[in-house]
C-alpha atoms as a PDB file:
ATOM      1  CA  MET A   1     101.690 -53.591  25.885  1.00  0.00           C
ATOM      2  CA  SER A   2     102.008 -53.066  29.703  1.00  0.00           C
ATOM      3  CA  ALA A   3     104.236 -50.370  30.954  1.00  0.00           C
ATOM      4  CA  PRO A   4     107.477 -51.423  32.553  1.00  0.00           C
ATOM      5  CA  GLN A   5     107.299 -52.201  36.380  1.00  0.00           C
ATOM      6  CA  TYR A   6     110.234 -50.427  38.221  1.00  0.00           C
ATOM      7  CA  ARG A   7     111.262 -51.266  41.875  1.00  0.00           C
ATOM      8  CA  VAL A   8     112.613 -48.444  43.898  1.00  0.00           C
ATOM      9  CA  ARG A   9     114.868 -49.270  46.852  1.00  0.00           C
ATOM     10  CA  ARG A  10     118.074 -48.401  48.666  1.00  0.00           C
ATOM     11  CA  ALA A  11     121.321 -49.208  47.232  1.00  0.00           C
ATOM     12  CA  THR A  12     123.390 -52.081  48.402  1.00  0.00           C
ATOM     13  CA  LEU A  13     127.082 -53.143  48.036  1.00  0.00           C
ATOM     14  CA  ASP A  14     125.927 -55.523  45.278  1.00  0.00           C
ATOM     15  CA  ASP A  15     124.830 -52.581  43.169  1.00  0.00           C
ATOM     16  CA  ILE A  16     128.322 -50.968  43.227  1.00  0.00           C
ATOM     17  CA  GLY A  17     129.394 -52.579  39.664  1.00  0.00           C
ATOM     18  CA  GLN A  18     126.303 -51.175  37.938  1.00  0.00           C
ATOM     19  CA  LEU A  19     126.180 -47.871  39.782  1.00  0.00           C
ATOM     20  CA  VAL A  20     130.025 -47.218  38.921  1.00  0.00           C
ATOM     21  CA  GLU A  21     129.034 -47.880  35.304  1.00  0.00           C
ATOM     22  CA  LEU A  22     126.174 -45.388  35.681  1.00  0.00           C
ATOM     23  CA  TRP A  23     128.224 -42.732  37.394  1.00  0.00           C
ATOM     24  CA  ARG A  24     131.190 -42.987  34.712  1.00  0.00           C
ATOM     25  CA  LEU A  25     128.512 -42.548  32.184  1.00  0.00           C
ATOM     26  CA  MET A  26     127.277 -39.345  33.815  1.00  0.00           C
ATOM     27  CA  ARG A  27     130.973 -38.269  34.518  1.00  0.00           C
ATOM     28  CA  PHE A  28     130.623 -38.307  38.336  1.00  0.00           C
ATOM     29  CA  PRO A  29     133.338 -39.003  40.607  1.00  0.00           C
ATOM     30  CA  ALA A  30     132.639 -42.778  40.792  1.00  0.00           C
ATOM     31  CA  ASP A  31     135.455 -43.821  43.253  1.00  0.00           C
ATOM     32  CA  GLU A  32     134.196 -41.139  45.720  1.00  0.00           C
ATOM     33  CA  LEU A  33     130.537 -42.103  45.332  1.00  0.00           C
ATOM     34  CA  ALA A  34     131.147 -45.757  45.500  1.00  0.00           C
ATOM     35  CA  ARG A  35     132.379 -45.064  49.236  1.00  0.00           C
ATOM     36  CA  ARG A  36     128.926 -43.728  49.837  1.00  0.00           C
ATOM     37  CA  VAL A  37     126.793 -46.172  48.002  1.00  0.00           C
ATOM     38  CA  THR A  38     124.281 -46.546  50.810  1.00  0.00           C
ATOM     39  CA  GLU A  39     123.228 -42.862  50.299  1.00  0.00           C
ATOM     40  CA  PHE A  40     121.709 -43.819  46.930  1.00  0.00           C
ATOM     41  CA  GLN A  41     118.184 -44.877  46.040  1.00  0.00           C
ATOM     42  CA  VAL A  42     118.001 -46.882  42.984  1.00  0.00           C
ATOM     43  CA  ALA A  43     115.372 -47.822  40.347  1.00  0.00           C
ATOM     44  CA  GLU A  44     115.654 -51.156  38.788  1.00  0.00           C
ATOM     45  CA  HIS A  45     113.906 -53.177  35.985  1.00  0.00           C
ATOM     46  CA  ASP A  46     114.394 -56.775  35.469  1.00  0.00           C
ATOM     47  CA  GLY A  47     117.349 -56.782  38.018  1.00  0.00           C
ATOM     48  CA  ARG A  48     119.202 -53.768  36.104  1.00  0.00           C
ATOM     49  CA  VAL A  49     119.820 -50.507  37.800  1.00  0.00           C
ATOM     50  CA  VAL A  50     118.283 -48.027  35.404  1.00  0.00           C
ATOM     51  CA  GLY A  51     118.467 -44.911  37.626  1.00  0.00           C
ATOM     52  CA  ALA A  52     119.780 -43.554  40.844  1.00  0.00           C
ATOM     53  CA  VAL A  53     119.960 -40.549  42.982  1.00  0.00           C
ATOM     54  CA  GLY A  54     121.730 -39.767  46.174  1.00  0.00           C
ATOM     55  CA  LEU A  55     120.252 -38.460  49.498  1.00  0.00           C
ATOM     56  CA  GLN A  56     122.907 -37.332  51.888  1.00  0.00           C
ATOM     57  CA  MET A  57     121.724 -36.547  55.364  1.00  0.00           C
ATOM     58  CA  LEU A  58     123.442 -34.081  57.498  1.00  0.00           C
ATOM     59  CA  GLU A  59     122.437 -31.851  60.500  1.00  0.00           C
ATOM     60  CA  ARG A  60     118.818 -32.962  59.947  1.00  0.00           C
ATOM     61  CA  GLN A  61     118.877 -31.759  56.372  1.00  0.00           C
ATOM     62  CA  GLY A  62     119.086 -33.679  53.254  1.00  0.00           C
ATOM     63  CA  ARG A  63     120.968 -33.106  49.967  1.00  0.00           C
ATOM     64  CA  ILE A  64     119.594 -34.669  46.747  1.00  0.00           C
ATOM     65  CA  HIS A  65     122.622 -35.215  44.464  1.00  0.00           C
ATOM     66  CA  SER A  66     124.152 -37.234  41.560  1.00  0.00           C
ATOM     67  CA  GLU A  67     120.920 -38.096  39.683  1.00  0.00           C
ATOM     68  CA  GLY A  68     121.635 -40.437  36.781  1.00  0.00           C
ATOM     69  CA  PHE A  69     119.872 -42.738  34.304  1.00  0.00           C
ATOM     70  CA  THR A  70     121.057 -45.382  31.938  1.00  0.00           C
ATOM     71  CA  ASP A  71     118.705 -43.749  29.517  1.00  0.00           C
ATOM     72  CA  PHE A  72     117.309 -40.181  30.015  1.00  0.00           C
ATOM     73  CA  ALA A  73     114.196 -41.333  28.083  1.00  0.00           C
ATOM     74  CA  LEU A  74     113.332 -42.934  31.353  1.00  0.00           C
ATOM     75  CA  ALA A  75     113.755 -39.901  33.398  1.00  0.00           C
ATOM     76  CA  ASP A  76     110.203 -38.668  33.408  1.00  0.00           C
ATOM     77  CA  SER A  77     109.093 -42.136  34.498  1.00  0.00           C
ATOM     78  CA  LEU A  78     111.620 -42.663  37.358  1.00  0.00           C
ATOM     79  CA  ARG A  79     111.882 -39.242  38.854  1.00  0.00           C
ATOM     80  CA  PRO A  80     108.520 -39.368  40.335  1.00  0.00           C
ATOM     81  CA  LEU A  81     109.223 -42.915  41.805  1.00  0.00           C
ATOM     82  CA  LEU A  82     112.666 -41.757  43.198  1.00  0.00           C
ATOM     83  CA  TRP A  83     111.182 -38.523  44.645  1.00  0.00           C
ATOM     84  CA  GLU A  84     108.415 -40.387  46.366  1.00  0.00           C
ATOM     85  CA  ARG A  85     111.086 -42.622  47.920  1.00  0.00           C
ATOM     86  CA  ILE A  86     113.323 -39.723  49.039  1.00  0.00           C
ATOM     87  CA  HIS A  87     110.495 -37.612  50.476  1.00  0.00           C
ATOM     88  CA  SER A  88     109.287 -40.698  52.578  1.00  0.00           C
ATOM     89  CA  LEU A  89     112.940 -41.280  53.842  1.00  0.00           C
ATOM     90  CA  ALA A  90     113.135 -37.558  54.703  1.00  0.00           C
ATOM     91  CA  THR A  91     109.983 -37.514  56.585  1.00  0.00           C
ATOM     92  CA  ASN A  92     110.755 -40.755  58.448  1.00  0.00           C
ATOM     93  CA  HIS A  93     114.152 -39.249  59.503  1.00  0.00           C
ATOM     94  CA  GLY A  94     112.553 -36.050  60.562  1.00  0.00           C
ATOM     95  CA  LEU A  95     114.637 -33.851  58.222  1.00  0.00           C
ATOM     96  CA  LEU A  96     113.895 -30.147  58.292  1.00  0.00           C
ATOM     97  CA  ARG A  97     114.798 -29.274  54.691  1.00  0.00           C
ATOM     98  CA  LEU A  98     115.742 -30.873  51.367  1.00  0.00           C
ATOM     99  CA  TRP A  99     118.357 -29.204  49.263  1.00  0.00           C
ATOM    100  CA  THR A 100     119.435 -29.871  45.668  1.00  0.00           C
ATOM    101  CA  GLN A 101     121.743 -28.519  42.911  1.00  0.00           C
ATOM    102  CA  GLU A 102     119.829 -30.655  40.344  1.00  0.00           C
ATOM    103  CA  GLN A 103     118.676 -28.349  37.703  1.00  0.00           C
ATOM    104  CA  ALA A 104     115.943 -30.505  36.044  1.00  0.00           C
ATOM    105  CA  PRO A 105     112.564 -28.654  36.074  1.00  0.00           C
ATOM    106  CA  PHE A 106     111.023 -31.636  37.847  1.00  0.00           C
ATOM    107  CA  TRP A 107     112.701 -30.662  41.177  1.00  0.00           C
ATOM    108  CA  THR A 108     111.139 -27.170  40.794  1.00  0.00           C
ATOM    109  CA  HIS A 109     107.693 -28.871  40.204  1.00  0.00           C
ATOM    110  CA  SER A 110     107.975 -30.818  43.214  1.00  0.00           C
ATOM    111  CA  GLY A 111     108.273 -27.809  45.451  1.00  0.00           C
ATOM    112  CA  MET A 112     112.146 -27.125  45.595  1.00  0.00           C
ATOM    113  CA  ALA A 113     112.403 -23.338  45.013  1.00  0.00           C
ATOM    114  CA  ALA A 114     115.532 -21.254  44.568  1.00  0.00           C
ATOM    115  CA  ALA A 115     117.062 -20.621  47.938  1.00  0.00           C
ATOM    116  CA  GLY A 116     117.674 -16.951  48.922  1.00  0.00           C
ATOM    117  CA  PRO A 117     120.230 -15.416  51.310  1.00  0.00           C
ATOM    118  CA  GLU A 118     117.861 -16.285  54.365  1.00  0.00           C
ATOM    119  CA  GLN A 119     117.625 -19.970  53.324  1.00  0.00           C
ATOM    120  CA  LEU A 120     121.172 -20.242  52.475  1.00  0.00           C
ATOM    121  CA  ALA A 121     122.106 -19.089  55.990  1.00  0.00           C
ATOM    122  CA  THR A 122     120.572 -22.504  57.178  1.00  0.00           C
ATOM    123  CA  LEU A 123     122.617 -24.777  54.693  1.00  0.00           C
ATOM    124  CA  PRO A 124     124.906 -27.026  56.529  1.00  0.00           C
ATOM    125  CA  PRO A 125     128.720 -25.660  56.501  1.00  0.00           C
ATOM    126  CA  ALA A 126     129.866 -28.910  54.787  1.00  0.00           C
ATOM    127  CA  TRP A 127     127.808 -28.067  51.729  1.00  0.00           C
ATOM    128  CA  ARG A 128     128.538 -24.471  51.333  1.00  0.00           C
ATOM    129  CA  GLY A 129     131.636 -25.027  49.296  1.00  0.00           C
ATOM    130  CA  LEU A 130     129.770 -26.887  46.596  1.00  0.00           C
ATOM    131  CA  ALA A 131     129.609 -24.943  43.325  1.00  0.00           C
ATOM    132  CA  GLY A 132     125.977 -24.378  41.727  1.00  0.00           C
ATOM    133  CA  ALA A 133     122.845 -22.840  42.612  1.00  0.00           C
ATOM    134  CA  TRP A 134     120.840 -24.238  45.390  1.00  0.00           C
ATOM    135  CA  ARG A 135     117.007 -25.170  45.627  1.00  0.00           C
ATOM    136  CA  MET A 136     115.303 -25.840  48.853  1.00  0.00           C
ATOM    137  CA  LEU A 137     112.070 -27.509  50.224  1.00  0.00           C
ATOM    138  CA  GLN A 138     111.072 -26.738  53.783  1.00  0.00           C
ATOM    139  CA  LEU A 139     109.596 -29.862  55.306  1.00  0.00           C
ATOM    140  CA  ARG A 140     108.919 -28.811  58.845  1.00  0.00           C
ATOM    141  CA  GLU A 141     109.749 -25.883  61.201  1.00  0.00           C
ATOM    142  CA  ASP A 142     112.957 -26.303  63.239  1.00  0.00           C
ATOM    143  CA  LEU A 143     111.236 -26.689  66.595  1.00  0.00           C
ATOM    144  CA  ASP A 144     114.860 -26.618  68.395  1.00  0.00           C
ATOM    145  CA  ALA A 145     115.458 -23.311  66.913  1.00  0.00           C
ATOM    146  CA  ILE A 146     111.876 -22.075  67.977  1.00  0.00           C
ATOM    147  CA  ILE A 147     112.270 -23.424  71.401  1.00  0.00           C
ATOM    148  CA  ALA A 148     115.821 -21.886  71.792  1.00  0.00           C
ATOM    149  CA  ALA A 149     114.320 -18.615  70.665  1.00  0.00           C
ATOM    150  CA  ASP A 150     111.326 -18.953  73.192  1.00  0.00           C
ATOM    151  CA  LYS A 151     113.874 -19.593  75.842  1.00  0.00           C
ATOM    152  CA  GLU A 152     116.066 -16.837  74.951  1.00  0.00           C
ATOM    153  CA  PHE A 153     112.957 -14.513  75.013  1.00  0.00           C
ATOM    154  CA  ALA A 154     111.954 -16.016  78.368  1.00  0.00           C
ATOM    155  CA  LEU A 155     115.325 -15.248  79.841  1.00  0.00           C
ATOM    156  CA  PHE A 156     115.224 -11.890  78.492  1.00  0.00           C
ATOM    157  CA  MET A 157     111.813 -11.125  80.047  1.00  0.00           C
ATOM    158  CA  GLU A 158     112.962 -12.514  83.444  1.00  0.00           C
ATOM    159  CA  ALA A 159     116.017 -10.269  83.416  1.00  0.00           C
ATOM    160  CA  GLU A 160     113.784  -7.368  82.567  1.00  0.00           C
ATOM    161  CA  LYS A 161     111.409  -8.361  85.501  1.00  0.00           C
ATOM    162  CA  GLN A 162     114.528  -8.529  87.704  1.00  0.00           C
ATOM    163  CA  ARG A 163     115.713  -5.157  86.516  1.00  0.00           C
ATOM    164  CA  THR A 164     112.203  -3.752  87.288  1.00  0.00           C
ATOM    165  CA  ARG A 165     112.048  -5.285  90.754  1.00  0.00           C
ATOM    166  CA  ARG A 166     115.556  -3.800  91.398  1.00  0.00           C
ATOM    167  CA  ALA A 167     114.586  -0.434  90.309  1.00  0.00           C
ATOM    168  CA  PHE A 168     111.327  -0.492  92.498  1.00  0.00           C
ATOM    169  CA  GLN A 169     113.476  -1.699  95.410  1.00  0.00           C
ATOM    170  CA  GLN A 170     115.848   1.279  94.842  1.00  0.00           C
ATOM    171  CA  ALA A 171     113.027   3.569  94.574  1.00  0.00           C
ATOM    172  CA  ARG A 172     111.474   2.200  97.895  1.00  0.00           C
ATOM    173  CA  VAL A 173     114.996   2.728  99.569  1.00  0.00           C
ATOM    174  CA  LEU A 174     115.222   6.202  98.182  1.00  0.00           C
ATOM    175  CA  LYS A 175     111.636   6.916  99.397  1.00  0.00           C
ATOM    176  CA  LEU A 176     112.486   5.663 102.862  1.00  0.00           C
ATOM    177  CA  ILE A 177     115.784   7.642 103.085  1.00  0.00           C
ATOM    178  CA  ALA A 178     113.826  10.696 101.795  1.00  0.00           C
ATOM    179  CA  THR A 179     111.263  10.206 104.529  1.00  0.00           C
ATOM    180  CA  LEU A 180     113.866   9.783 107.209  1.00  0.00           C
ATOM    181  CA  VAL A 181     115.600  12.768 106.006  1.00  0.00           C
ATOM    182  CA  ALA A 182     112.285  14.686 106.209  1.00  0.00           C
ATOM    183  CA  LEU A 183     111.589  13.275 109.690  1.00  0.00           C
ATOM    184  CA  ALA A 184     115.088  14.390 110.906  1.00  0.00           C
ATOM    185  CA  LEU A 185     114.707  17.761 109.490  1.00  0.00           C
ATOM    186  CA  LEU A 186     111.172  18.036 111.128  1.00  0.00           C
ATOM    187  CA  ALA A 187     112.773  16.914 114.358  1.00  0.00           C
ATOM    188  CA  ALA A 188     115.564  19.331 113.924  1.00  0.00           C
ATOM    189  CA  VAL A 189     113.026  22.169 113.321  1.00  0.00           C
ATOM    190  CA  VAL A 190     110.931  21.116 116.318  1.00  0.00           C
ATOM    191  CA  ALA A 191     113.798  20.887 118.522  1.00  0.00           C
ATOM    192  CA  GLY A 192     115.050  24.323 117.444  1.00  0.00           C
ATOM    193  CA  ALA A 193     111.628  25.798 118.237  1.00  0.00           C
ATOM    194  CA  VAL A 194     111.593  24.350 121.655  1.00  0.00           C
ATOM    195  CA  TYR A 195     114.995  25.579 122.214  1.00  0.00           C
ATOM    196  CA  VAL A 196     114.084  29.127 121.027  1.00  0.00           C
ATOM    197  CA  ILE A 197     110.793  28.968 123.188  1.00  0.00           C
ATOM    198  CA  ARG A 198     112.668  27.844 126.284  1.00  0.00           C
ATOM    199  CA  HIS A 199     115.441  30.538 126.037  1.00  0.00           C
ATOM    200  CA  THR A 200     113.467  33.385 124.793  1.00  0.00           C
ATOM    201  CA  PRO A 201     112.381  35.917 127.626  1.00  0.00           C
ATOM    202  CA  TRP A 202     108.609  36.324 127.463  1.00  0.00           C
ATOM    203  CA  ALA A 203     107.526  39.881 126.604  1.00  0.00           C
ATOM    204  CA  GLY A 204     106.647  41.958 129.588  1.00  0.00           C
ATOM    205  CA  ARG A 205     108.447  39.566 132.288  1.00  0.00           C
END
């Protein structure tokens, strides 16, 4: 007997009825999720939705949420298909990180590790009030942050160069002043010597 064939796709408004049944079965806030139905990816078999998971995108980051199945015996078969779809969407949309509060071991095996303080600092503010432990997968480096840091460093180096140039200019001015003072002193000494010579009677005259 052949294995069931599942189709994974984006949810549409036509799926709301089945999804609301699923969300109520999972004790999710069905009315709220129904307003965000297009966030969901669904797995269907023979025209029936048998599994779904949400992918909310915000600030170039994705939150995997509200995973549900009509029969959890199907979870092991459906999760890899849904994950492949989510990962592809995240890549195509240029997301930097994927986050989840789903606790099934599958998500850990997919590379989503417990987020520490450094990682949590990058969590979009809109998600920080959600209760539960976070797992995160870094998909790519934040090039904008890297470029901003490079620009900041370049500005710092330019400011240092300007300070160095000003210091050298001040040193040259001080050196010039010191030279002029020395020359003035020398001129005064020479003038004094000439004056003394001119006004001193020569011995024996």
